[in-house]
């Protein structure tokens, strides 16, 4: 008789520290990654050190594009400036993550 056994698996968050234009560091968890049209994109959510702050914040989903740095050749993250490209990628992430996160549509 086969025995089903639930093993204790360690859960490790994939964390990134990003620096904003003002030089302040912010920590994010990578919640998903996707390849689309030969490009790679990451979906991130902010990580808070204070649990209360985490509950009070709406935690916007941040979507960034992975691109090679021309100087170093290493991969860097950049914002997506093209509205059509951002819309396609955002829709894809929202569809993939709808069971995990509750999304609110922005009203313009």
Protein backbone atom coordinates (compact mmCIF):
# COMPACT_ATOMS: atom_id res chain seq x y z
CA UNK A 1 0.00 0.00 0.00
CA UNK A 2 1.42 3.39 -0.99
CA UNK A 3 1.73 5.88 1.79
CA UNK A 4 0.99 9.56 1.14
CA UNK A 5 3.21 11.70 3.27
CA UNK A 6 3.14 15.47 3.49
CA UNK A 7 6.72 16.61 3.86
CA UNK A 8 7.67 19.86 5.52
CA UNK A 9 8.96 22.03 2.68
CA UNK A 10 10.71 25.28 3.39
CA UNK A 11 9.08 28.24 1.69
CA UNK A 12 11.57 30.80 0.52
CA UNK A 13 10.47 34.17 -0.75
CA UNK A 14 12.21 35.51 -3.84
CA UNK A 15 13.07 39.00 -2.57
CA UNK A 16 14.60 41.95 -4.42
CA UNK A 17 15.83 45.24 -3.03
CA UNK A 18 15.28 48.11 -5.44
CA UNK A 19 16.53 51.67 -5.15
CA UNK A 20 14.21 54.52 -6.19
CA UNK A 21 15.14 57.86 -7.79
CA UNK A 22 15.71 59.37 -4.32
CA UNK A 23 18.20 56.65 -3.34
CA UNK A 24 15.81 54.95 -0.90
CA UNK A 25 15.80 51.16 -0.86
CA UNK A 26 12.55 49.19 -0.97
CA UNK A 27 12.12 45.45 -0.65
CA UNK A 28 9.80 43.50 -2.96
CA UNK A 29 8.73 39.90 -3.31
CA UNK A 30 8.66 38.42 -6.81
CA UNK A 31 5.22 36.82 -7.07
CA UNK A 32 5.36 35.83 -10.73
CA UNK A 33 7.49 35.99 -13.86
CA UNK A 34 6.39 35.63 -17.45
CA UNK A 35 7.94 35.63 -20.91
CA UNK A 36 5.98 37.44 -23.62
CA UNK A 37 7.09 38.41 -27.13
CA UNK A 38 10.72 37.44 -26.37
CA UNK A 39 10.78 39.70 -23.29
CA UNK A 40 10.76 38.77 -19.59
CA UNK A 41 8.59 40.54 -17.01
CA UNK A 42 8.34 40.32 -13.22
CA UNK A 43 5.35 40.98 -10.97
CA UNK A 44 6.38 42.30 -7.54
CA UNK A 45 4.63 43.26 -4.32
CA UNK A 46 6.16 45.38 -1.56
CA UNK A 47 7.45 43.65 1.56
CA UNK A 48 6.87 45.39 4.88
CA UNK A 49 8.90 44.81 8.03
CA UNK A 50 5.95 45.85 10.22
CA UNK A 51 2.97 43.45 9.93
CA UNK A 52 0.54 46.27 10.79
CA UNK A 53 1.88 48.36 7.90
CA UNK A 54 1.36 45.38 5.61
CA UNK A 55 -2.31 45.14 6.64
CA UNK A 56 -2.91 48.86 6.15
CA UNK A 57 -1.28 49.15 2.71
CA UNK A 58 -3.10 48.21 -0.47
CA UNK A 59 0.14 46.65 -1.84
CA UNK A 60 0.03 47.63 -5.46
CA UNK A 61 1.35 45.06 -7.91
CA UNK A 62 4.52 46.41 -9.52
CA UNK A 63 5.35 45.15 -13.01
CA UNK A 64 8.86 45.60 -14.37
CA UNK A 65 10.66 44.49 -17.52
CA UNK A 66 13.95 42.56 -17.36
CA UNK A 67 16.48 44.06 -19.79
CA UNK A 68 20.25 43.71 -20.28
CA UNK A 69 22.34 46.61 -18.98
CA UNK A 70 24.34 47.91 -21.94
CA UNK A 71 27.36 48.75 -19.78
CA UNK A 72 27.67 45.67 -17.57
CA UNK A 73 25.71 43.11 -19.59
CA UNK A 74 23.85 42.10 -16.41
CA UNK A 75 20.07 42.01 -16.23
CA UNK A 76 18.36 45.06 -14.76
CA UNK A 77 14.72 45.96 -14.14
CA UNK A 78 13.03 48.92 -15.76
CA UNK A 79 9.56 50.39 -15.94
CA UNK A 80 7.40 49.77 -18.98
CA UNK A 81 6.79 53.08 -20.75
CA UNK A 82 4.70 51.80 -23.66
CA UNK A 83 1.01 51.80 -22.61
CA UNK A 84 0.03 48.96 -24.98
CA UNK A 85 2.90 46.75 -23.83
CA UNK A 86 2.10 47.48 -20.18
CA UNK A 87 -1.59 46.73 -20.72
CA UNK A 88 -0.89 43.34 -22.31
CA UNK A 89 1.56 42.34 -19.58
CA UNK A 90 -0.67 43.63 -16.75
CA UNK A 91 -3.67 41.73 -18.13
CA UNK A 92 -1.60 38.55 -18.33
CA UNK A 93 -0.36 38.88 -14.74
CA UNK A 94 -3.85 39.71 -13.47
CA UNK A 95 -5.22 36.58 -15.14
CA UNK A 96 -2.40 34.41 -13.76
CA UNK A 97 -2.63 35.85 -10.23
CA UNK A 98 -6.39 36.32 -9.84
CA UNK A 99 -6.66 33.34 -7.47
CA UNK A 100 -3.92 34.73 -5.21
CA UNK A 101 -4.61 38.47 -5.19
CA UNK A 102 -7.67 40.69 -5.19
CA UNK A 103 -7.33 43.34 -7.89
CA UNK A 104 -9.13 46.66 -8.05
CA UNK A 105 -9.56 48.34 -11.40
CA UNK A 106 -8.21 51.89 -11.63
CA UNK A 107 -10.88 54.41 -12.55
CA UNK A 108 -9.77 57.19 -14.86
